[in-house]
C-alpha atoms as a PDB file:
ATOM      1  CA  MET A   1     -10.025  13.843   5.857  1.00  0.00           C
ATOM      2  CA  GLU A   2      -7.352  15.588   3.797  1.00  0.00           C
ATOM      3  CA  ARG A   3      -7.096  14.595   0.156  1.00  0.00           C
ATOM      4  CA  ARG A   4      -4.099  14.843  -2.130  1.00  0.00           C
ATOM      5  CA  ALA A   5      -3.624  14.789  -5.891  1.00  0.00           C
ATOM      6  CA  PHE A   6      -2.666  11.290  -7.038  1.00  0.00           C
ATOM      7  CA  GLY A   7       0.190  12.267  -9.309  1.00  0.00           C
ATOM      8  CA  LYS A   8      -0.892  13.241 -12.811  1.00  0.00           C
ATOM      9  CA  THR A   9      -3.862  10.866 -12.877  1.00  0.00           C
ATOM     10  CA  GLY A  10      -6.408  13.533 -12.031  1.00  0.00           C
ATOM     11  CA  LEU A  11      -7.608  11.480  -9.056  1.00  0.00           C
ATOM     12  CA  GLU A  12      -7.712  12.807  -5.519  1.00  0.00           C
ATOM     13  CA  VAL A  13      -7.021  10.346  -2.713  1.00  0.00           C
ATOM     14  CA  SER A  14      -7.601  10.431   1.026  1.00  0.00           C
ATOM     15  CA  VAL A  15      -4.278  10.561   2.851  1.00  0.00           C
ATOM     16  CA  LEU A  16      -5.293   7.391   4.669  1.00  0.00           C
ATOM     17  CA  GLY A  17      -6.436   4.403   2.670  1.00  0.00           C
ATOM     18  CA  PHE A  18      -7.495   0.884   3.579  1.00  0.00           C
ATOM     19  CA  GLY A  19      -5.227  -2.106   2.914  1.00  0.00           C
ATOM     20  CA  GLY A  20      -7.070  -5.384   2.479  1.00  0.00           C
ATOM     21  CA  SER A  21      -4.474  -8.007   3.456  1.00  0.00           C
ATOM     22  CA  GLU A  22      -5.545  -8.406   7.084  1.00  0.00           C
ATOM     23  CA  ILE A  23      -9.198  -9.029   6.319  1.00  0.00           C
ATOM     24  CA  GLY A  24      -8.235 -11.320   3.439  1.00  0.00           C
ATOM     25  CA  PHE A  25      -6.026 -13.548   5.548  1.00  0.00           C
ATOM     26  CA  GLY A  26      -7.875 -13.162   8.832  1.00  0.00           C
ATOM     27  CA  ASP A  27     -10.962 -14.950  10.074  1.00  0.00           C
ATOM     28  CA  VAL A  28     -13.124 -11.832  10.153  1.00  0.00           C
ATOM     29  CA  ALA A  29     -16.903 -12.074  10.013  1.00  0.00           C
ATOM     30  CA  GLN A  30     -18.534 -10.325   7.069  1.00  0.00           C
ATOM     31  CA  PRO A  31     -20.695  -8.038   9.254  1.00  0.00           C
ATOM     32  CA  ILE A  32     -17.539  -6.694  10.927  1.00  0.00           C
ATOM     33  CA  ILE A  33     -15.927  -6.042   7.532  1.00  0.00           C
ATOM     34  CA  GLU A  34     -19.065  -4.250   6.376  1.00  0.00           C
ATOM     35  CA  ARG A  35     -19.062  -2.061   9.461  1.00  0.00           C
ATOM     36  CA  LEU A  36     -15.336  -1.362   9.134  1.00  0.00           C
ATOM     37  CA  LEU A  37     -15.370  -0.353   5.467  1.00  0.00           C
ATOM     38  CA  ASN A  38     -18.660   1.504   5.413  1.00  0.00           C
ATOM     39  CA  SER A  39     -17.821   3.536   8.508  1.00  0.00           C
ATOM     40  CA  ALA A  40     -14.427   4.430   7.032  1.00  0.00           C
ATOM     41  CA  ILE A  41     -16.026   5.619   3.789  1.00  0.00           C
ATOM     42  CA  ASP A  42     -18.567   7.586   5.815  1.00  0.00           C
ATOM     43  CA  ALA A  43     -15.654   9.284   7.628  1.00  0.00           C
ATOM     44  CA  GLY A  44     -13.860  10.322   4.442  1.00  0.00           C
ATOM     45  CA  LEU A  45     -11.713   7.387   3.302  1.00  0.00           C
ATOM     46  CA  ASN A  46     -11.802   6.941  -0.464  1.00  0.00           C
ATOM     47  CA  VAL A  47      -8.954   4.473  -1.175  1.00  0.00           C
ATOM     48  CA  VAL A  48      -9.429   0.709  -0.844  1.00  0.00           C
ATOM     49  CA  ASP A  49      -6.453  -1.434  -1.860  1.00  0.00           C
ATOM     50  CA  THR A  50      -6.405  -5.224  -2.104  1.00  0.00           C
ATOM     51  CA  ALA A  51      -4.856  -8.052  -4.167  1.00  0.00           C
ATOM     52  CA  GLU A  52      -5.697 -11.325  -5.860  1.00  0.00           C
ATOM     53  CA  CYS A  53      -3.573 -13.234  -3.344  1.00  0.00           C
ATOM     54  CA  TYR A  54      -5.116 -11.848  -0.144  1.00  0.00           C
ATOM     55  CA  GLY A  55      -7.204 -14.937   0.525  1.00  0.00           C
ATOM     56  CA  ASP A  56     -10.878 -14.106   0.029  1.00  0.00           C
ATOM     57  CA  GLY A  57     -10.266 -10.407   0.608  1.00  0.00           C
ATOM     58  CA  GLU A  58     -11.514  -9.255  -2.792  1.00  0.00           C
ATOM     59  CA  ASP A  59     -14.768 -11.122  -2.338  1.00  0.00           C
ATOM     60  CA  LYS A  60     -15.261  -9.731   1.172  1.00  0.00           C
ATOM     61  CA  ILE A  61     -14.686  -6.198  -0.056  1.00  0.00           C
ATOM     62  CA  GLY A  62     -17.035  -6.687  -2.983  1.00  0.00           C
ATOM     63  CA  ARG A  63     -19.817  -7.930  -0.771  1.00  0.00           C
ATOM     64  CA  ALA A  64     -19.294  -5.089   1.707  1.00  0.00           C
ATOM     65  CA  ILE A  65     -19.086  -1.972  -0.442  1.00  0.00           C
ATOM     66  CA  SER A  66     -19.581  -2.626  -4.172  1.00  0.00           C
ATOM     67  CA  HIS A  67     -22.992  -0.940  -3.864  1.00  0.00           C
ATOM     68  CA  ARG A  68     -21.094   2.276  -3.019  1.00  0.00           C
ATOM     69  CA  ARG A  69     -18.765   2.075  -6.027  1.00  0.00           C
ATOM     70  CA  ASP A  70     -19.020   5.775  -6.890  1.00  0.00           C
ATOM     71  CA  GLU A  71     -17.848   6.813  -3.428  1.00  0.00           C
ATOM     72  CA  PHE A  72     -14.341   5.347  -3.371  1.00  0.00           C
ATOM     73  CA  LEU A  73     -11.323   4.435  -5.498  1.00  0.00           C
ATOM     74  CA  LEU A  74     -10.652   0.721  -5.841  1.00  0.00           C
ATOM     75  CA  PHE A  75      -7.117  -0.615  -6.297  1.00  0.00           C
ATOM     76  CA  THR A  76      -6.064  -4.243  -6.702  1.00  0.00           C
ATOM     77  CA  LYS A  77      -2.965  -6.215  -7.698  1.00  0.00           C
ATOM     78  CA  CYS A  78      -2.142  -9.178  -9.919  1.00  0.00           C
ATOM     79  CA  GLY A  79       0.803 -11.481 -10.430  1.00  0.00           C
ATOM     80  CA  HIS A  80       0.500 -14.493  -8.147  1.00  0.00           C
ATOM     81  CA  SER A  81      -1.262 -17.505  -9.625  1.00  0.00           C
ATOM     82  CA  SER A  82      -3.517 -17.978  -6.580  1.00  0.00           C
ATOM     83  CA  GLY A  83      -5.560 -20.905  -7.847  1.00  0.00           C
ATOM     84  CA  PHE A  84      -4.869 -20.831 -11.574  1.00  0.00           C
ATOM     85  CA  ALA A  85      -3.029 -23.665 -13.347  1.00  0.00           C
ATOM     86  CA  GLU A  86      -0.489 -21.322 -14.916  1.00  0.00           C
ATOM     87  CA  PRO A  87       2.594 -20.129 -12.984  1.00  0.00           C
ATOM     88  CA  ASP A  88       3.047 -16.703 -11.448  1.00  0.00           C
ATOM     89  CA  TRP A  89       3.480 -13.911 -13.989  1.00  0.00           C
ATOM     90  CA  ASP A  90       2.217 -15.958 -16.942  1.00  0.00           C
ATOM     91  CA  PRO A  91       0.537 -13.367 -19.229  1.00  0.00           C
ATOM     92  CA  ALA A  92      -2.554 -15.505 -19.856  1.00  0.00           C
ATOM     93  CA  MET A  93      -2.931 -16.060 -16.126  1.00  0.00           C
ATOM     94  CA  LEU A  94      -2.584 -12.325 -15.446  1.00  0.00           C
ATOM     95  CA  ALA A  95      -5.422 -11.529 -17.838  1.00  0.00           C
ATOM     96  CA  LYS A  96      -7.652 -14.133 -16.203  1.00  0.00           C
ATOM     97  CA  SER A  97      -6.672 -12.877 -12.764  1.00  0.00           C
ATOM     98  CA  ILE A  98      -7.778  -9.333 -13.586  1.00  0.00           C
ATOM     99  CA  ASP A  99     -11.136 -10.631 -14.836  1.00  0.00           C
ATOM    100  CA  ARG A 100     -11.540 -12.734 -11.694  1.00  0.00           C
ATOM    101  CA  SER A 101     -10.756  -9.713  -9.518  1.00  0.00           C
ATOM    102  CA  LEU A 102     -13.547  -7.742 -11.170  1.00  0.00           C
ATOM    103  CA  GLN A 103     -15.952 -10.623 -10.556  1.00  0.00           C
ATOM    104  CA  ARG A 104     -14.918 -10.993  -6.927  1.00  0.00           C
ATOM    105  CA  LEU A 105     -15.102  -7.273  -6.300  1.00  0.00           C
ATOM    106  CA  ARG A 106     -18.487  -7.108  -8.063  1.00  0.00           C
ATOM    107  CA  VAL A 107     -17.467  -4.188 -10.278  1.00  0.00           C
ATOM    108  CA  ASP A 108     -17.042  -3.469 -13.977  1.00  0.00           C
ATOM    109  CA  TYR A 109     -13.677  -1.765 -13.539  1.00  0.00           C
ATOM    110  CA  VAL A 110     -11.102  -0.801 -10.928  1.00  0.00           C
ATOM    111  CA  ASP A 111      -9.272   2.485 -10.709  1.00  0.00           C
ATOM    112  CA  LEU A 112      -5.817   0.910 -10.501  1.00  0.00           C
ATOM    113  CA  VAL A 113      -4.361  -2.516 -11.305  1.00  0.00           C
ATOM    114  CA  GLN A 114      -0.830  -3.056 -10.012  1.00  0.00           C
ATOM    115  CA  LEU A 115       1.786  -5.662 -10.839  1.00  0.00           C
ATOM    116  CA  HIS A 116       2.499  -7.318  -7.517  1.00  0.00           C
ATOM    117  CA  SER A 117       6.238  -7.292  -6.796  1.00  0.00           C
ATOM    118  CA  CYS A 118       7.570  -8.919  -9.964  1.00  0.00           C
ATOM    119  CA  ASP A 119      11.293  -8.522 -10.559  1.00  0.00           C
ATOM    120  CA  GLU A 120      13.130  -6.294 -12.979  1.00  0.00           C
ATOM    121  CA  SER A 121      13.892  -9.047 -15.479  1.00  0.00           C
ATOM    122  CA  LEU A 122      10.166  -9.682 -16.008  1.00  0.00           C
ATOM    123  CA  LEU A 123       9.445  -6.002 -16.324  1.00  0.00           C
ATOM    124  CA  ARG A 124      12.141  -5.677 -18.976  1.00  0.00           C
ATOM    125  CA  GLN A 125      10.578  -8.463 -21.054  1.00  0.00           C
ATOM    126  CA  GLY A 126       7.445  -6.340 -21.291  1.00  0.00           C
ATOM    127  CA  ASP A 127       4.805  -9.084 -21.527  1.00  0.00           C
ATOM    128  CA  VAL A 128       3.435  -8.498 -18.049  1.00  0.00           C
ATOM    129  CA  ILE A 129       3.178  -4.771 -18.619  1.00  0.00           C
ATOM    130  CA  ASP A 130       1.367  -5.363 -21.904  1.00  0.00           C
ATOM    131  CA  VAL A 131      -1.343  -7.331 -20.079  1.00  0.00           C
ATOM    132  CA  LEU A 132      -2.045  -4.330 -17.862  1.00  0.00           C
ATOM    133  CA  ARG A 133      -2.019  -1.983 -20.827  1.00  0.00           C
ATOM    134  CA  ARG A 134      -4.614  -4.119 -22.587  1.00  0.00           C
ATOM    135  CA  ALA A 135      -6.735  -4.160 -19.440  1.00  0.00           C
ATOM    136  CA  ARG A 136      -6.593  -0.363 -19.403  1.00  0.00           C
ATOM    137  CA  GLU A 137      -7.464  -0.159 -23.098  1.00  0.00           C
ATOM    138  CA  GLY A 138     -10.379  -2.541 -22.486  1.00  0.00           C
ATOM    139  CA  GLY A 139     -11.849  -0.371 -19.736  1.00  0.00           C
ATOM    140  CA  LYS A 140     -11.115  -2.861 -16.961  1.00  0.00           C
ATOM    141  CA  THR A 141      -8.875  -0.373 -15.144  1.00  0.00           C
ATOM    142  CA  ARG A 142      -8.380   3.358 -15.401  1.00  0.00           C
ATOM    143  CA  PHE A 143      -4.689   3.288 -14.467  1.00  0.00           C
ATOM    144  CA  ILE A 144      -1.845   0.803 -14.053  1.00  0.00           C
ATOM    145  CA  GLY A 145       0.836   0.616 -11.391  1.00  0.00           C
ATOM    146  CA  TYR A 146       3.642  -1.341  -9.802  1.00  0.00           C
ATOM    147  CA  SER A 147       3.754  -2.536  -6.188  1.00  0.00           C
ATOM    148  CA  GLY A 148       7.158  -3.443  -4.808  1.00  0.00           C
ATOM    149  CA  ASP A 149      10.484  -2.303  -3.440  1.00  0.00           C
ATOM    150  CA  ARG A 150      14.217  -2.037  -4.016  1.00  0.00           C
ATOM    151  CA  ASN A 151      15.759  -1.890  -7.491  1.00  0.00           C
ATOM    152  CA  ASN A 152      12.735  -3.638  -9.001  1.00  0.00           C
ATOM    153  CA  ALA A 153      10.652  -0.628  -8.009  1.00  0.00           C
ATOM    154  CA  ARG A 154      13.351   1.720  -9.243  1.00  0.00           C
ATOM    155  CA  TYR A 155      13.205   0.160 -12.701  1.00  0.00           C
ATOM    156  CA  ALA A 156       9.396   0.233 -12.669  1.00  0.00           C
ATOM    157  CA  VAL A 157       9.616   3.977 -12.135  1.00  0.00           C
ATOM    158  CA  GLU A 158      12.395   4.490 -14.683  1.00  0.00           C
ATOM    159  CA  CYS A 159      10.691   2.555 -17.480  1.00  0.00           C
ATOM    160  CA  GLY A 160       7.834   5.056 -17.656  1.00  0.00           C
ATOM    161  CA  ALA A 161       5.087   2.453 -18.144  1.00  0.00           C
ATOM    162  CA  PHE A 162       3.198   3.012 -14.906  1.00  0.00           C
ATOM    163  CA  ASP A 163       0.881   5.653 -13.523  1.00  0.00           C
ATOM    164  CA  ALA A 164       1.455   4.718  -9.871  1.00  0.00           C
ATOM    165  CA  LEU A 165       3.951   3.188  -7.459  1.00  0.00           C
ATOM    166  CA  GLN A 166       3.138   1.380  -4.221  1.00  0.00           C
ATOM    167  CA  THR A 167       6.189   0.893  -2.027  1.00  0.00           C
ATOM    168  CA  SER A 168       7.209   0.416   1.609  1.00  0.00           C
ATOM    169  CA  VAL A 169       7.878   3.624   3.535  1.00  0.00           C
ATOM    170  CA  ASN A 170       7.999   3.772   7.316  1.00  0.00           C
ATOM    171  CA  ILE A 171      10.231   4.427  10.315  1.00  0.00           C
ATOM    172  CA  ALA A 172      11.866   0.988   9.895  1.00  0.00           C
ATOM    173  CA  ASP A 173      11.998   0.934   6.085  1.00  0.00           C
ATOM    174  CA  GLN A 174      13.404   4.118   4.573  1.00  0.00           C
ATOM    175  CA  GLU A 175      15.311   2.976   1.479  1.00  0.00           C
ATOM    176  CA  ALA A 176      12.598   4.253  -0.885  1.00  0.00           C
ATOM    177  CA  ILE A 177      12.901   7.809   0.423  1.00  0.00           C
ATOM    178  CA  GLU A 178      16.050   8.222  -1.644  1.00  0.00           C
ATOM    179  CA  LEU A 179      15.889   5.317  -4.109  1.00  0.00           C
ATOM    180  CA  THR A 180      12.470   5.710  -5.716  1.00  0.00           C
ATOM    181  CA  LEU A 181      10.324   8.504  -4.277  1.00  0.00           C
ATOM    182  CA  PRO A 182      12.145  11.488  -5.822  1.00  0.00           C
ATOM    183  CA  LEU A 183      12.118  10.014  -9.332  1.00  0.00           C
ATOM    184  CA  ALA A 184       8.512   8.822  -9.057  1.00  0.00           C
ATOM    185  CA  ARG A 185       7.498  12.280  -7.884  1.00  0.00           C
ATOM    186  CA  ASP A 186       9.360  13.918 -10.779  1.00  0.00           C
ATOM    187  CA  LYS A 187       7.550  11.638 -13.228  1.00  0.00           C
ATOM    188  CA  GLY A 188       4.177  12.596 -11.806  1.00  0.00           C
ATOM    189  CA  MET A 189       3.326   9.135 -10.489  1.00  0.00           C
ATOM    190  CA  GLY A 190       0.747   8.592  -7.792  1.00  0.00           C
ATOM    191  CA  ILE A 191       2.644   7.183  -4.787  1.00  0.00           C
ATOM    192  CA  ILE A 192       1.081   4.814  -2.264  1.00  0.00           C
ATOM    193  CA  ALA A 193       2.930   4.039   0.972  1.00  0.00           C
ATOM    194  CA  LYS A 194       2.437   0.481   2.160  1.00  0.00           C
ATOM    195  CA  ARG A 195       3.193  -0.665   5.719  1.00  0.00           C
ATOM    196  CA  PRO A 196       3.210   3.001   6.800  1.00  0.00           C
ATOM    197  CA  VAL A 197       3.269   2.219  10.533  1.00  0.00           C
ATOM    198  CA  ALA A 198       5.798  -0.647  10.225  1.00  0.00           C
ATOM    199  CA  ASN A 199       3.081  -3.109  11.256  1.00  0.00           C
ATOM    200  CA  VAL A 200       3.273  -1.511  14.744  1.00  0.00           C
ATOM    201  CA  ALA A 201       6.060  -4.044  15.210  1.00  0.00           C
ATOM    202  CA  TRP A 202       7.437  -2.395  18.346  1.00  0.00           C
ATOM    203  CA  ILE A 203       4.449  -3.544  20.405  1.00  0.00           C
ATOM    204  CA  SER A 204       5.337  -7.238  20.678  1.00  0.00           C
ATOM    205  CA  GLU A 205       7.835  -9.683  19.209  1.00  0.00           C
ATOM    206  CA  PRO A 206       6.374 -11.032  15.926  1.00  0.00           C
ATOM    207  CA  PRO A 207       6.950 -14.499  14.445  1.00  0.00           C
ATOM    208  CA  VAL A 208      10.289 -15.309  12.834  1.00  0.00           C
ATOM    209  CA  GLY A 209      10.210 -14.844   9.068  1.00  0.00           C
ATOM    210  CA  SER A 210       7.370 -12.310   8.990  1.00  0.00           C
ATOM    211  CA  TYR A 211       7.523  -8.735   7.695  1.00  0.00           C
ATOM    212  CA  PRO A 212       6.766  -7.435  11.186  1.00  0.00           C
ATOM    213  CA  ARG A 213       9.645  -9.505  12.550  1.00  0.00           C
ATOM    214  CA  THR A 214      12.077  -7.758  10.200  1.00  0.00           C
ATOM    215  CA  TYR A 215      10.795  -4.398  11.359  1.00  0.00           C
ATOM    216  CA  TRP A 216      10.837  -5.449  15.023  1.00  0.00           C
ATOM    217  CA  GLU A 217      14.503  -6.421  14.764  1.00  0.00           C
ATOM    218  CA  ARG A 218      15.419  -3.121  13.138  1.00  0.00           C
ATOM    219  CA  LEU A 219      13.497  -1.121  15.722  1.00  0.00           C
ATOM    220  CA  GLN A 220      15.388  -2.858  18.534  1.00  0.00           C
ATOM    221  CA  GLU A 221      18.491  -1.153  17.189  1.00  0.00           C
ATOM    222  CA  LEU A 222      16.918   2.131  16.109  1.00  0.00           C
ATOM    223  CA  ARG A 223      15.392   2.703  19.557  1.00  0.00           C
ATOM    224  CA  TYR A 224      13.442   5.794  18.658  1.00  0.00           C
ATOM    225  CA  ASP A 225      12.530   7.662  21.826  1.00  0.00           C
ATOM    226  CA  PHE A 226       8.923   8.230  20.730  1.00  0.00           C
ATOM    227  CA  LEU A 227       8.246   4.485  20.680  1.00  0.00           C
ATOM    228  CA  GLN A 228       8.265   4.619  24.474  1.00  0.00           C
ATOM    229  CA  SER A 229       5.102   6.745  24.340  1.00  0.00           C
ATOM    230  CA  GLU A 230       1.638   5.252  24.643  1.00  0.00           C
ATOM    231  CA  THR A 231       0.731   3.266  21.561  1.00  0.00           C
ATOM    232  CA  GLN A 232      -1.605   5.690  19.807  1.00  0.00           C
ATOM    233  CA  LYS A 233       0.825   8.594  20.173  1.00  0.00           C
ATOM    234  CA  ALA A 234       3.649   6.464  18.773  1.00  0.00           C
ATOM    235  CA  VAL A 235       1.426   5.359  15.876  1.00  0.00           C
ATOM    236  CA  SER A 236       0.546   8.991  15.208  1.00  0.00           C
ATOM    237  CA  ILE A 237       4.211   9.993  14.959  1.00  0.00           C
ATOM    238  CA  ALA A 238       5.120   6.981  12.824  1.00  0.00           C
ATOM    239  CA  LEU A 239       2.209   7.573  10.459  1.00  0.00           C
ATOM    240  CA  SER A 240       2.858  11.309  10.231  1.00  0.00           C
ATOM    241  CA  PHE A 241       6.497  10.599   9.386  1.00  0.00           C
ATOM    242  CA  THR A 242       5.451   8.465   6.425  1.00  0.00           C
ATOM    243  CA  LEU A 243       2.820  10.899   5.201  1.00  0.00           C
ATOM    244  CA  GLY A 244       5.332  13.725   5.500  1.00  0.00           C
ATOM    245  CA  GLN A 245       7.676  12.283   2.903  1.00  0.00           C
ATOM    246  CA  PRO A 246       7.542  14.363  -0.303  1.00  0.00           C
ATOM    247  CA  GLY A 247       5.507  12.648  -2.999  1.00  0.00           C
ATOM    248  CA  ILE A 248       3.467  10.327  -0.764  1.00  0.00           C
ATOM    249  CA  CYS A 249      -0.186  10.655  -1.772  1.00  0.00           C
ATOM    250  CA  THR A 250      -1.841   8.078   0.461  1.00  0.00           C
ATOM    251  CA  ALA A 251      -0.817   5.562   3.112  1.00  0.00           C
ATOM    252  CA  ILE A 252      -2.736   2.304   3.257  1.00  0.00           C
ATOM    253  CA  VAL A 253      -3.302   0.792   6.676  1.00  0.00           C
ATOM    254  CA  GLY A 254      -4.751  -2.665   7.203  1.00  0.00           C
ATOM    255  CA  THR A 255      -6.850  -3.608  10.206  1.00  0.00           C
ATOM    256  CA  GLN A 256      -9.526  -6.003  11.398  1.00  0.00           C
ATOM    257  CA  ASN A 257     -10.746  -3.518  13.986  1.00  0.00           C
ATOM    258  CA  PRO A 258     -13.758  -1.423  12.847  1.00  0.00           C
ATOM    259  CA  ASP A 259     -12.664   1.474  15.073  1.00  0.00           C
ATOM    260  CA  ARG A 260      -8.986   1.532  14.086  1.00  0.00           C
ATOM    261  CA  TRP A 261      -9.323   3.629  10.937  1.00  0.00           C
ATOM    262  CA  ARG A 262     -11.126   6.413  12.780  1.00  0.00           C
ATOM    263  CA  GLN A 263      -8.449   6.315  15.494  1.00  0.00           C
ATOM    264  CA  ASN A 264      -5.699   6.642  12.896  1.00  0.00           C
ATOM    265  CA  ALA A 265      -7.546   9.452  11.146  1.00  0.00           C
ATOM    266  CA  LYS A 266      -7.884  11.288  14.445  1.00  0.00           C
ATOM    267  CA  SER A 267      -4.211  10.761  15.245  1.00  0.00           C
ATOM    268  CA  ILE A 268      -3.048  12.700  12.198  1.00  0.00           C
ATOM    269  CA  ALA A 269      -5.726  15.388  12.341  1.00  0.00           C
ATOM    270  CA  SER A 270      -3.408  17.731  14.249  1.00  0.00           C
ATOM    271  CA  GLY A 271      -1.207  18.104  11.179  1.00  0.00           C
ATOM    272  CA  ALA A 272       2.285  17.291   9.993  1.00  0.00           C
ATOM    273  CA  LEU A 273       5.251  16.511  12.198  1.00  0.00           C
ATOM    274  CA  ALA A 274       7.614  19.370  12.872  1.00  0.00           C
ATOM    275  CA  ALA A 275      10.571  19.419  10.505  1.00  0.00           C
ATOM    276  CA  GLU A 276      12.977  18.745  13.371  1.00  0.00           C
ATOM    277  CA  GLU A 277      11.059  15.607  14.366  1.00  0.00           C
ATOM    278  CA  VAL A 278      11.203  14.266  10.816  1.00  0.00           C
ATOM    279  CA  ALA A 279      14.902  15.110  10.631  1.00  0.00           C
ATOM    280  CA  ALA A 280      15.588  13.318  13.920  1.00  0.00           C
ATOM    281  CA  ILE A 281      13.986  10.097  12.635  1.00  0.00           C
ATOM    282  CA  ARG A 282      15.905  10.338   9.355  1.00  0.00           C
ATOM    283  CA  ASP A 283      19.183  11.087  11.136  1.00  0.00           C
ATOM    284  CA  ARG A 284      18.741   8.126  13.452  1.00  0.00           C
ATOM    285  CA  TRP A 285      18.077   5.871  10.461  1.00  0.00           C
ATOM    286  CA  LYS A 286      21.203   7.086   8.650  1.00  0.00           C
ATOM    287  CA  GLU A 287      23.246   6.562  11.802  1.00  0.00           C
ATOM    288  CA  VAL A 288      22.062   3.024  12.571  1.00  0.00           C
ATOM    289  CA  ALA A 289      20.716   1.368   9.385  1.00  0.00           C
ATOM    290  CA  ARG A 290      22.903  -1.303   7.820  1.00  0.00           C
ATOM    291  CA  PRO A 291      23.350  -1.811   4.045  1.00  0.00           C
ATOM    292  CA  ASP A 292      21.030  -4.841   4.077  1.00  0.00           C
ATOM    293  CA  TRP A 293      18.135  -2.872   5.601  1.00  0.00           C
ATOM    294  CA  VAL A 294      16.364  -2.655   2.289  1.00  0.00           C
ATOM    295  CA  GLY A 295      12.672  -2.669   1.411  1.00  0.00           C
ATOM    296  CA  CYS A 296      10.695  -5.716   2.486  1.00  0.00           C
ATOM    297  CA  GLY A 297       9.298  -6.646  -0.945  1.00  0.00           C
END
């Protein structure tokens, strides 16, 4: 599995990482999670990303792979109260949330703590950033980052406080390609692409109000020719498009299927998309996308 430098952090990350939302929110048996994560690490994955609000995802991950702590990089997020008495973004709650994440994950530190989609006004106040800085100074995390989209993410990059940016980049969500990626790359930030295959939303019509639904509706208008291919080929093109964007270090893909990560790794093993294929997807987006087709948060 190819690895890339994670900005100026000195870390090297596998181009495919694991996103923990699906196992956190899904009814997945612990033995399946253990098989999924351990087999992925065995095959070369070294990025595991989760969050305090992904149900019991942190605990499941901790039980599955904390004994292999030296073999992978562990990222989590904070911001949502998720069981605490204090409101979202309260600084005292954030500090407690980071401590709880370490307990759930069964580790002494994580490699990256990210603020989870807070808005620009909160970032400008500085209190929430200070909590992450103190966590870094206290050895609870090696680096700090921001996870989000749109102008909130743009400010997070501009302010210079963060080592990493996690943002939505895919065939149905391309705002970041011009809004945030170039500046984040210039600042030497590690860049994580979330939702890199647009939740495979072209397969079936998702529920109203969901992230996949937004992508499904956009893809009905974009009508990329390659989406008519068999599913794994279409996933391969979509994933290669995301990974081909300058500055992207790793793309995190969530799944409940123990075999899916290996399939995705195999699908990109043949290398990058041809420049003309990337250009065709970008040109189609610029032709069809409306002004309100912004990042999904």
